[in-house]
């Protein structure tokens, strides 16, 4: 019975990954807005904070050095995403994400690294500490990436808005 649950879960995750990769490789038809970039960042921080705040009553926190190392690994993992995410202003005046095959490759590599890390490290930590370190890792690579994306968007929007003599979006 357990094997069936893991098989179904694996198929669902595989379908989700394939769907996400297909979405990343297709040209974007929706323009990027600074509000959407920033709200995604805030939403993830708030949801993880709420989830962690609700379950934090029984957690034994790991040593500080583990949290610092995990955060450093997360920041290093965000660097490929930061360097491969760029924006462009198209002829309609809107800002869109640039297509980049290296972004897809780095995104898939990060997923594979996380999966192997989970498999290798899960046996050394109790589930609460492992969940805490996973949250720290996710925040440490998601927050810098989205902040830099938002700054890149704002820089492009203000540069082009100043050239055109209109106010920023």
N, C-alpha and C. Protein backbone atom coordinates (compact mmCIF):
# COMPACT_ATOMS: atom_id res chain seq x y z
N UNK A 1 0.82 -1.20 0.00
CA UNK A 1 0.00 0.00 0.00
C UNK A 1 0.86 1.25 0.00
N UNK A 2 1.94 1.27 0.82
CA UNK A 2 2.81 2.45 0.86
C UNK A 2 3.46 2.71 -0.48
N UNK A 3 3.84 1.65 -1.18
CA UNK A 3 4.48 1.82 -2.47
C UNK A 3 3.55 2.53 -3.45
N UNK A 4 2.26 2.22 -3.40
CA UNK A 4 1.30 2.87 -4.28
C UNK A 4 1.18 4.36 -4.01
N UNK A 5 1.21 4.75 -2.73
CA UNK A 5 1.13 6.16 -2.37
C UNK A 5 2.35 6.91 -2.89
N UNK A 6 3.54 6.32 -2.69
CA UNK A 6 4.76 6.96 -3.16
C UNK A 6 4.80 7.03 -4.69
N UNK A 7 4.30 6.02 -5.35
CA UNK A 7 4.26 6.01 -6.81
C UNK A 7 3.34 7.12 -7.32
N UNK A 8 2.15 7.24 -6.74
CA UNK A 8 1.22 8.30 -7.14
C UNK A 8 1.82 9.66 -6.86
N UNK A 9 2.43 9.83 -5.69
CA UNK A 9 3.06 11.10 -5.34
C UNK A 9 4.19 11.43 -6.31
N UNK A 10 4.99 10.43 -6.65
CA UNK A 10 6.07 10.65 -7.61
C UNK A 10 5.56 11.05 -8.98
N UNK A 11 4.49 10.43 -9.45
CA UNK A 11 3.91 10.78 -10.75
C UNK A 11 3.35 12.20 -10.71
N UNK A 12 2.69 12.57 -9.63
CA UNK A 12 2.15 13.92 -9.50
C UNK A 12 3.28 14.95 -9.52
N UNK A 13 4.35 14.68 -8.79
CA UNK A 13 5.48 15.60 -8.77
C UNK A 13 6.13 15.68 -10.14
N UNK A 14 6.29 14.56 -10.82
CA UNK A 14 6.89 14.55 -12.15
C UNK A 14 6.05 15.34 -13.14
N UNK A 15 4.73 15.17 -13.10
CA UNK A 15 3.84 15.93 -13.98
C UNK A 15 3.95 17.43 -13.68
N UNK A 16 4.01 17.78 -12.39
CA UNK A 16 4.17 19.19 -12.02
C UNK A 16 5.47 19.78 -12.52
N UNK A 17 6.55 19.03 -12.41
CA UNK A 17 7.85 19.51 -12.88
C UNK A 17 7.84 19.68 -14.39
N UNK A 18 7.30 18.71 -15.11
CA UNK A 18 7.23 18.81 -16.58
C UNK A 18 6.35 19.98 -16.99
N UNK A 19 5.22 20.18 -16.31
CA UNK A 19 4.34 21.31 -16.62
C UNK A 19 5.07 22.63 -16.38
N UNK A 20 5.80 22.73 -15.28
CA UNK A 20 6.52 23.97 -14.96
C UNK A 20 7.63 24.24 -15.98
N UNK A 21 8.33 23.20 -16.38
CA UNK A 21 9.40 23.38 -17.37
C UNK A 21 8.81 23.83 -18.70
N UNK A 22 7.69 23.25 -19.11
CA UNK A 22 7.05 23.68 -20.36
C UNK A 22 6.62 25.13 -20.28
N UNK A 23 6.10 25.55 -19.12
CA UNK A 23 5.70 26.96 -18.95
C UNK A 23 6.90 27.89 -19.01
N UNK A 24 8.04 27.44 -18.48
CA UNK A 24 9.22 28.28 -18.47
C UNK A 24 9.83 28.43 -19.86
N UNK A 25 9.68 27.42 -20.71
CA UNK A 25 10.30 27.48 -22.02
C UNK A 25 9.44 28.15 -23.07
N UNK A 26 8.13 28.28 -22.83
CA UNK A 26 7.26 28.96 -23.79
C UNK A 26 7.43 30.47 -23.65
N UNK A 27 7.27 31.19 -24.76
CA UNK A 27 7.31 32.64 -24.65
C UNK A 27 6.15 33.15 -23.79
N UNK A 28 6.44 34.13 -22.98
CA UNK A 28 5.42 34.66 -22.08
C UNK A 28 4.48 35.59 -22.82
N UNK A 29 3.19 35.40 -22.62
CA UNK A 29 2.20 36.29 -23.22
C UNK A 29 1.69 37.31 -22.22
N UNK A 30 2.03 37.13 -20.95
CA UNK A 30 1.61 38.06 -19.92
C UNK A 30 2.77 38.95 -19.52
N UNK A 31 2.55 40.26 -19.51
CA UNK A 31 3.63 41.13 -19.07
C UNK A 31 3.89 40.98 -17.57
N UNK A 32 5.11 41.25 -17.18
CA UNK A 32 5.50 41.19 -15.79
C UNK A 32 5.15 42.52 -15.14
N UNK A 33 4.63 42.46 -13.93
CA UNK A 33 4.38 43.69 -13.18
C UNK A 33 5.18 43.65 -11.89
N UNK A 34 5.62 44.80 -11.46
CA UNK A 34 6.37 44.88 -10.21
C UNK A 34 5.52 44.45 -9.03
N UNK A 35 4.25 44.76 -9.09
CA UNK A 35 3.33 44.38 -8.01
C UNK A 35 3.26 42.86 -7.87
N UNK A 36 3.16 42.16 -8.99
CA UNK A 36 3.07 40.70 -8.94
C UNK A 36 4.37 40.08 -8.42
N UNK A 37 5.51 40.63 -8.85
CA UNK A 37 6.80 40.13 -8.36
C UNK A 37 6.91 40.32 -6.85
N UNK A 38 6.56 41.50 -6.39
CA UNK A 38 6.69 41.81 -4.97
C UNK A 38 5.67 41.04 -4.13
N UNK A 39 4.44 40.91 -4.62
CA UNK A 39 3.42 40.19 -3.86
C UNK A 39 3.74 38.71 -3.74
N UNK A 40 4.35 38.13 -4.77
CA UNK A 40 4.76 36.73 -4.69
C UNK A 40 5.78 36.56 -3.57
N UNK A 41 6.72 37.46 -3.50
CA UNK A 41 7.73 37.41 -2.45
C UNK A 41 7.09 37.52 -1.07
N UNK A 42 6.22 38.50 -0.89
CA UNK A 42 5.56 38.69 0.40
C UNK A 42 4.69 37.49 0.75
N UNK A 43 3.97 36.96 -0.23
CA UNK A 43 3.09 35.83 0.02
C UNK A 43 3.87 34.61 0.50
N UNK A 44 5.00 34.32 -0.12
CA UNK A 44 5.80 33.16 0.29
C UNK A 44 6.34 33.37 1.70
N UNK A 45 6.84 34.56 1.98
CA UNK A 45 7.38 34.83 3.32
C UNK A 45 6.28 34.69 4.37
N UNK A 46 5.12 35.26 4.10
CA UNK A 46 4.02 35.20 5.07
C UNK A 46 3.51 33.78 5.25
N UNK A 47 3.32 33.04 4.16
CA UNK A 47 2.81 31.67 4.28
C UNK A 47 3.79 30.76 5.02
N UNK A 48 5.06 30.87 4.72
CA UNK A 48 6.04 30.06 5.43
C UNK A 48 6.12 30.50 6.88
N UNK A 49 6.04 31.80 7.13
CA UNK A 49 6.05 32.29 8.50
C UNK A 49 4.86 31.83 9.29
N UNK A 50 3.68 31.85 8.68
CA UNK A 50 2.48 31.38 9.37
C UNK A 50 2.59 29.88 9.63
N UNK A 51 3.01 29.13 8.63
CA UNK A 51 3.14 27.69 8.80
C UNK A 51 4.15 27.38 9.90
N UNK A 52 5.25 28.08 9.90
CA UNK A 52 6.26 27.82 10.90
C UNK A 52 5.81 28.30 12.27
N UNK A 53 5.09 29.42 12.31
CA UNK A 53 4.61 29.94 13.58
C UNK A 53 3.60 29.03 14.25
N UNK A 54 2.77 28.37 13.45
CA UNK A 54 1.75 27.47 14.00
C UNK A 54 2.40 26.21 14.55
N UNK A 55 3.41 25.72 13.84
CA UNK A 55 4.00 24.45 14.25
C UNK A 55 5.23 24.61 15.14
N UNK A 56 5.61 25.83 15.48
CA UNK A 56 6.85 26.06 16.20
C UNK A 56 6.76 25.79 17.69
N UNK A 57 5.59 25.45 18.20
CA UNK A 57 5.47 25.27 19.64
C UNK A 57 6.20 24.03 20.14
N UNK A 58 6.37 23.03 19.32
CA UNK A 58 7.00 21.79 19.77
C UNK A 58 8.35 21.53 19.11
N UNK A 59 8.88 22.50 18.42
CA UNK A 59 10.11 22.30 17.67
C UNK A 59 11.33 22.49 18.57
N UNK A 60 12.28 21.58 18.41
CA UNK A 60 13.60 21.78 19.01
C UNK A 60 14.47 22.36 17.91
N UNK A 61 14.83 23.62 18.04
CA UNK A 61 15.59 24.29 16.99
C UNK A 61 17.01 23.75 16.94
N UNK A 62 17.56 23.67 15.72
CA UNK A 62 18.94 23.20 15.59
C UNK A 62 19.92 24.27 16.05
N UNK A 63 21.19 23.92 16.19
CA UNK A 63 22.18 24.94 16.55
C UNK A 63 22.23 26.06 15.50
N UNK A 64 22.65 27.21 15.94
CA UNK A 64 22.68 28.39 15.06
C UNK A 64 23.57 28.15 13.85
N UNK A 65 24.66 27.44 14.03
CA UNK A 65 25.57 27.23 12.91
C UNK A 65 24.89 26.44 11.79
N UNK A 66 23.99 25.52 12.14
CA UNK A 66 23.27 24.77 11.10
C UNK A 66 22.36 25.70 10.29
N UNK A 67 21.71 26.61 10.98
CA UNK A 67 20.85 27.57 10.29
C UNK A 67 21.66 28.47 9.39
N UNK A 68 22.81 28.93 9.86
CA UNK A 68 23.66 29.81 9.06
C UNK A 68 24.20 29.08 7.84
N UNK A 69 24.65 27.85 8.01
CA UNK A 69 25.16 27.07 6.88
C UNK A 69 24.05 26.81 5.87
N UNK A 70 22.87 26.46 6.35
CA UNK A 70 21.74 26.21 5.46
C UNK A 70 21.37 27.47 4.69
N UNK A 71 21.37 28.62 5.37
CA UNK A 71 21.06 29.88 4.69
C UNK A 71 22.13 30.21 3.65
N UNK A 72 23.38 29.96 3.96
CA UNK A 72 24.46 30.22 3.00
C UNK A 72 24.32 29.33 1.77
N UNK A 73 23.98 28.07 1.98
CA UNK A 73 23.75 27.16 0.85
C UNK A 73 22.58 27.67 0.01
N UNK A 74 21.53 28.15 0.66
CA UNK A 74 20.38 28.69 -0.06
C UNK A 74 20.74 29.91 -0.90
N UNK A 75 21.56 30.79 -0.34
CA UNK A 75 21.97 31.98 -1.10
C UNK A 75 22.81 31.56 -2.31
N UNK A 76 23.69 30.59 -2.12
CA UNK A 76 24.49 30.09 -3.25
C UNK A 76 23.57 29.46 -4.31
N UNK A 77 22.53 28.76 -3.86
CA UNK A 77 21.60 28.15 -4.81
C UNK A 77 20.79 29.20 -5.57
N UNK A 78 20.63 30.39 -5.00
CA UNK A 78 19.87 31.43 -5.69
C UNK A 78 20.68 32.11 -6.79
N UNK A 79 21.99 32.01 -6.76
CA UNK A 79 22.81 32.73 -7.72
C UNK A 79 22.54 32.34 -9.18
N UNK A 80 22.42 31.04 -9.52
CA UNK A 80 22.11 30.73 -10.92
C UNK A 80 20.76 31.30 -11.35
N UNK A 81 19.78 31.31 -10.47
CA UNK A 81 18.48 31.88 -10.81
C UNK A 81 18.59 33.39 -11.00
N UNK A 82 19.36 34.03 -10.16
CA UNK A 82 19.54 35.49 -10.26
C UNK A 82 20.20 35.86 -11.58
N UNK A 83 21.26 35.15 -11.94
CA UNK A 83 22.01 35.50 -13.15
C UNK A 83 21.28 35.14 -14.44
N UNK A 84 20.34 34.22 -14.38
CA UNK A 84 19.66 33.81 -15.61
C UNK A 84 18.26 34.41 -15.75
N UNK A 85 17.81 35.20 -14.80
CA UNK A 85 16.51 35.85 -14.90
C UNK A 85 16.70 37.28 -15.37
N UNK A 86 16.14 37.60 -16.52
CA UNK A 86 16.24 38.95 -17.07
C UNK A 86 14.90 39.35 -17.68
N UNK A 87 14.76 40.64 -17.88
CA UNK A 87 13.52 41.19 -18.43
C UNK A 87 13.84 42.05 -19.63
N UNK A 88 12.82 42.20 -20.50
CA UNK A 88 12.97 43.02 -21.70
C UNK A 88 11.68 43.80 -21.93
N UNK A 89 11.82 44.96 -22.53
CA UNK A 89 10.65 45.73 -22.92
C UNK A 89 10.40 45.44 -24.39
N UNK A 90 9.19 44.98 -24.69
CA UNK A 90 8.85 44.65 -26.07
C UNK A 90 8.21 45.84 -26.76
N UNK A 91 7.86 45.64 -28.01
CA UNK A 91 7.35 46.76 -28.82
C UNK A 91 6.04 47.33 -28.32
N UNK A 92 5.28 46.55 -27.54
CA UNK A 92 4.02 47.08 -27.01
C UNK A 92 4.23 47.95 -25.78
N UNK A 93 5.48 48.11 -25.34
CA UNK A 93 5.79 48.96 -24.20
C UNK A 93 5.75 48.25 -22.86
N UNK A 94 5.33 47.00 -22.84
CA UNK A 94 5.24 46.22 -21.61
C UNK A 94 6.56 45.48 -21.36
N UNK A 95 6.79 45.11 -20.12
CA UNK A 95 8.00 44.38 -19.73
C UNK A 95 7.65 42.90 -19.59
N UNK A 96 8.48 42.06 -20.23
CA UNK A 96 8.26 40.62 -20.22
C UNK A 96 9.55 39.93 -19.75
N UNK A 97 9.41 38.69 -19.27
CA UNK A 97 10.58 37.88 -18.93
C UNK A 97 11.25 37.44 -20.22
N UNK A 98 12.57 37.47 -20.22
CA UNK A 98 13.30 36.96 -21.37
C UNK A 98 13.35 35.44 -21.30
N UNK A 99 13.24 34.82 -22.46
CA UNK A 99 13.41 33.37 -22.51
C UNK A 99 14.88 33.06 -22.31
N UNK A 100 15.16 32.04 -21.52
CA UNK A 100 16.54 31.68 -21.27
C UNK A 100 16.60 30.19 -20.95
N UNK A 101 17.24 29.44 -21.82
CA UNK A 101 17.36 28.01 -21.63
C UNK A 101 18.19 27.69 -20.40
N UNK A 102 19.18 28.52 -20.09
CA UNK A 102 20.02 28.27 -18.92
C UNK A 102 19.21 28.41 -17.62
N UNK A 103 18.16 29.26 -17.63
CA UNK A 103 17.31 29.36 -16.46
C UNK A 103 16.61 28.03 -16.22
N UNK A 104 16.10 27.43 -17.27
CA UNK A 104 15.42 26.14 -17.14
C UNK A 104 16.40 25.08 -16.65
N UNK A 105 17.60 25.07 -17.21
CA UNK A 105 18.61 24.09 -16.80
C UNK A 105 18.96 24.29 -15.33
N UNK A 106 19.18 25.54 -14.91
CA UNK A 106 19.53 25.78 -13.51
C UNK A 106 18.37 25.45 -12.59
N UNK A 107 17.14 25.72 -13.02
CA UNK A 107 15.96 25.40 -12.21
C UNK A 107 15.86 23.89 -12.00
N UNK A 108 16.03 23.13 -13.06
CA UNK A 108 15.97 21.67 -12.96
C UNK A 108 17.13 21.15 -12.10
N UNK A 109 18.32 21.72 -12.26
CA UNK A 109 19.46 21.30 -11.44
C UNK A 109 19.20 21.57 -9.96
N UNK A 110 18.58 22.70 -9.64
CA UNK A 110 18.26 22.99 -8.25
C UNK A 110 17.26 21.99 -7.68
N UNK A 111 16.29 21.60 -8.48
CA UNK A 111 15.33 20.59 -8.03
C UNK A 111 16.04 19.27 -7.76
N UNK A 112 16.92 18.87 -8.66
CA UNK A 112 17.65 17.61 -8.49
C UNK A 112 18.55 17.68 -7.26
N UNK A 113 19.24 18.80 -7.08
CA UNK A 113 20.11 18.95 -5.91
C UNK A 113 19.29 18.87 -4.62
N UNK A 114 18.13 19.53 -4.61
CA UNK A 114 17.27 19.49 -3.42
C UNK A 114 16.78 18.07 -3.14
N UNK A 115 16.39 17.35 -4.19
CA UNK A 115 15.92 15.98 -3.99
C UNK A 115 17.02 15.08 -3.44
N UNK A 116 18.23 15.17 -4.02
CA UNK A 116 19.34 14.37 -3.51
C UNK A 116 19.71 14.78 -2.10
N UNK A 117 19.70 16.07 -1.83
CA UNK A 117 19.98 16.55 -0.47
C UNK A 117 18.96 16.03 0.53
N UNK A 118 17.69 16.04 0.13
CA UNK A 118 16.66 15.51 1.02
C UNK A 118 16.88 14.02 1.29
N UNK A 119 17.19 13.28 0.26
CA UNK A 119 17.39 11.84 0.42
C UNK A 119 18.60 11.56 1.31
N UNK A 120 19.69 12.30 1.09
CA UNK A 120 20.91 12.04 1.85
C UNK A 120 20.84 12.53 3.29
N UNK A 121 20.22 13.69 3.52
CA UNK A 121 20.28 14.31 4.84
C UNK A 121 19.11 13.97 5.75
N UNK A 122 18.03 13.48 5.21
CA UNK A 122 16.84 13.22 6.01
C UNK A 122 17.11 12.23 7.15
N UNK A 123 17.98 11.27 6.94
CA UNK A 123 18.22 10.25 7.97
C UNK A 123 19.04 10.77 9.16
N UNK A 124 19.71 11.93 8.99
CA UNK A 124 20.55 12.44 10.06
C UNK A 124 19.85 13.42 10.99
N UNK A 125 18.64 13.85 10.65
CA UNK A 125 17.93 14.85 11.46
C UNK A 125 16.55 14.32 11.80
N UNK A 126 16.05 14.77 12.95
CA UNK A 126 14.66 14.42 13.24
C UNK A 126 13.76 15.27 12.33
N UNK A 127 12.52 14.87 12.13
CA UNK A 127 11.66 15.54 11.14
C UNK A 127 11.44 17.03 11.40
N UNK A 128 11.36 17.44 12.66
CA UNK A 128 11.12 18.85 12.94
C UNK A 128 12.32 19.71 12.54
N UNK A 129 13.51 19.28 12.90
CA UNK A 129 14.71 20.03 12.54
C UNK A 129 14.89 20.02 11.03
N UNK A 130 14.62 18.89 10.39
CA UNK A 130 14.75 18.81 8.94
C UNK A 130 13.77 19.77 8.26
N UNK A 131 12.55 19.84 8.76
CA UNK A 131 11.56 20.77 8.19
C UNK A 131 12.00 22.21 8.39
N UNK A 132 12.52 22.54 9.55
CA UNK A 132 13.01 23.89 9.81
C UNK A 132 14.14 24.26 8.85
N UNK A 133 15.11 23.36 8.70
CA UNK A 133 16.23 23.63 7.80
C UNK A 133 15.76 23.74 6.35
N UNK A 134 14.75 22.96 5.97
CA UNK A 134 14.19 23.07 4.62
C UNK A 134 13.55 24.43 4.42
N UNK A 135 12.80 24.91 5.41
CA UNK A 135 12.20 26.25 5.32
C UNK A 135 13.27 27.32 5.19
N UNK A 136 14.33 27.21 5.97
CA UNK A 136 15.42 28.18 5.89
C UNK A 136 16.05 28.15 4.50
N UNK A 137 16.26 26.95 3.97
CA UNK A 137 16.84 26.82 2.64
C UNK A 137 15.96 27.46 1.57
N UNK A 138 14.67 27.18 1.63
CA UNK A 138 13.74 27.73 0.65
C UNK A 138 13.71 29.25 0.73
N UNK A 139 13.61 29.78 1.91
CA UNK A 139 13.62 31.25 2.05
C UNK A 139 14.94 31.84 1.60
N UNK A 140 16.05 31.15 1.88
CA UNK A 140 17.36 31.69 1.56
C UNK A 140 17.64 31.70 0.06
N UNK A 141 16.98 30.86 -0.73
CA UNK A 141 17.19 31.01 -2.16
C UNK A 141 16.03 31.68 -2.87
N UNK A 142 14.86 31.67 -2.30
CA UNK A 142 13.73 32.33 -2.95
C UNK A 142 13.75 33.84 -2.73
N UNK A 143 13.99 34.28 -1.51
CA UNK A 143 13.93 35.71 -1.20
C UNK A 143 14.98 36.51 -1.97
N UNK A 144 16.26 36.14 -1.97
CA UNK A 144 17.21 36.94 -2.77
C UNK A 144 16.89 36.93 -4.25
N UNK A 145 16.46 35.79 -4.78
CA UNK A 145 16.14 35.70 -6.20
C UNK A 145 15.00 36.65 -6.55
N UNK A 146 13.90 36.61 -5.78
CA UNK A 146 12.76 37.47 -6.08
C UNK A 146 13.07 38.94 -5.83
N UNK A 147 13.87 39.25 -4.82
CA UNK A 147 14.25 40.64 -4.59
C UNK A 147 15.06 41.19 -5.75
N UNK A 148 16.00 40.40 -6.23
CA UNK A 148 16.81 40.84 -7.37
C UNK A 148 15.95 40.95 -8.62
N UNK A 149 15.01 40.02 -8.81
CA UNK A 149 14.09 40.12 -9.95
C UNK A 149 13.30 41.41 -9.88
N UNK A 150 12.80 41.74 -8.70
CA UNK A 150 12.03 42.96 -8.53
C UNK A 150 12.90 44.19 -8.81
N UNK A 151 14.16 44.17 -8.34
CA UNK A 151 15.06 45.31 -8.58
C UNK A 151 15.39 45.43 -10.07
N UNK A 152 15.61 44.30 -10.75
CA UNK A 152 15.86 44.34 -12.19
C UNK A 152 14.66 44.91 -12.93
N UNK A 153 13.47 44.48 -12.54
CA UNK A 153 12.25 45.01 -13.16
C UNK A 153 12.13 46.52 -12.93
N UNK A 154 12.34 46.96 -11.70
CA UNK A 154 12.21 48.39 -11.38
C UNK A 154 13.24 49.21 -12.15
N UNK A 155 14.46 48.69 -12.27
CA UNK A 155 15.51 49.41 -13.00
C UNK A 155 15.11 49.55 -14.47
N UNK A 156 14.61 48.49 -15.08
CA UNK A 156 14.20 48.55 -16.48
C UNK A 156 12.99 49.46 -16.65
N UNK A 157 12.04 49.38 -15.73
CA UNK A 157 10.84 50.21 -15.82
C UNK A 157 11.19 51.69 -15.65
N UNK A 158 12.06 52.01 -14.71
CA UNK A 158 12.40 53.42 -14.49
C UNK A 158 13.29 53.95 -15.61
N UNK A 159 14.17 53.12 -16.14
CA UNK A 159 15.05 53.57 -17.23
C UNK A 159 14.21 53.92 -18.45
N UNK A 160 13.30 53.04 -18.81
CA UNK A 160 12.49 53.28 -19.99
C UNK A 160 11.44 54.36 -19.74
N UNK A 161 10.95 54.47 -18.51
CA UNK A 161 9.96 55.50 -18.20
C UNK A 161 10.62 56.89 -18.24
N UNK A 162 11.85 56.99 -17.77
CA UNK A 162 12.55 58.27 -17.80
C UNK A 162 12.87 58.69 -19.22
N UNK A 163 13.16 57.73 -20.10
CA UNK A 163 13.41 58.07 -21.50
C UNK A 163 12.14 58.58 -22.18
N UNK A 164 11.01 57.96 -21.83
CA UNK A 164 9.76 58.34 -22.46
C UNK A 164 9.12 59.55 -21.79
N UNK A 165 9.59 59.92 -20.60
CA UNK A 165 9.04 61.07 -19.91
C UNK A 165 7.71 60.79 -19.22
N UNK A 166 7.45 59.52 -18.90
CA UNK A 166 6.22 59.17 -18.19
C UNK A 166 6.59 58.67 -16.81
N UNK A 167 5.61 58.60 -15.93
CA UNK A 167 5.87 58.15 -14.57
C UNK A 167 6.05 56.64 -14.54
N UNK A 168 6.69 56.16 -13.47
CA UNK A 168 6.95 54.73 -13.31
C UNK A 168 5.66 53.98 -13.02
N UNK A 169 5.61 52.69 -13.41
CA UNK A 169 4.43 51.88 -13.06
C UNK A 169 4.47 51.47 -11.61
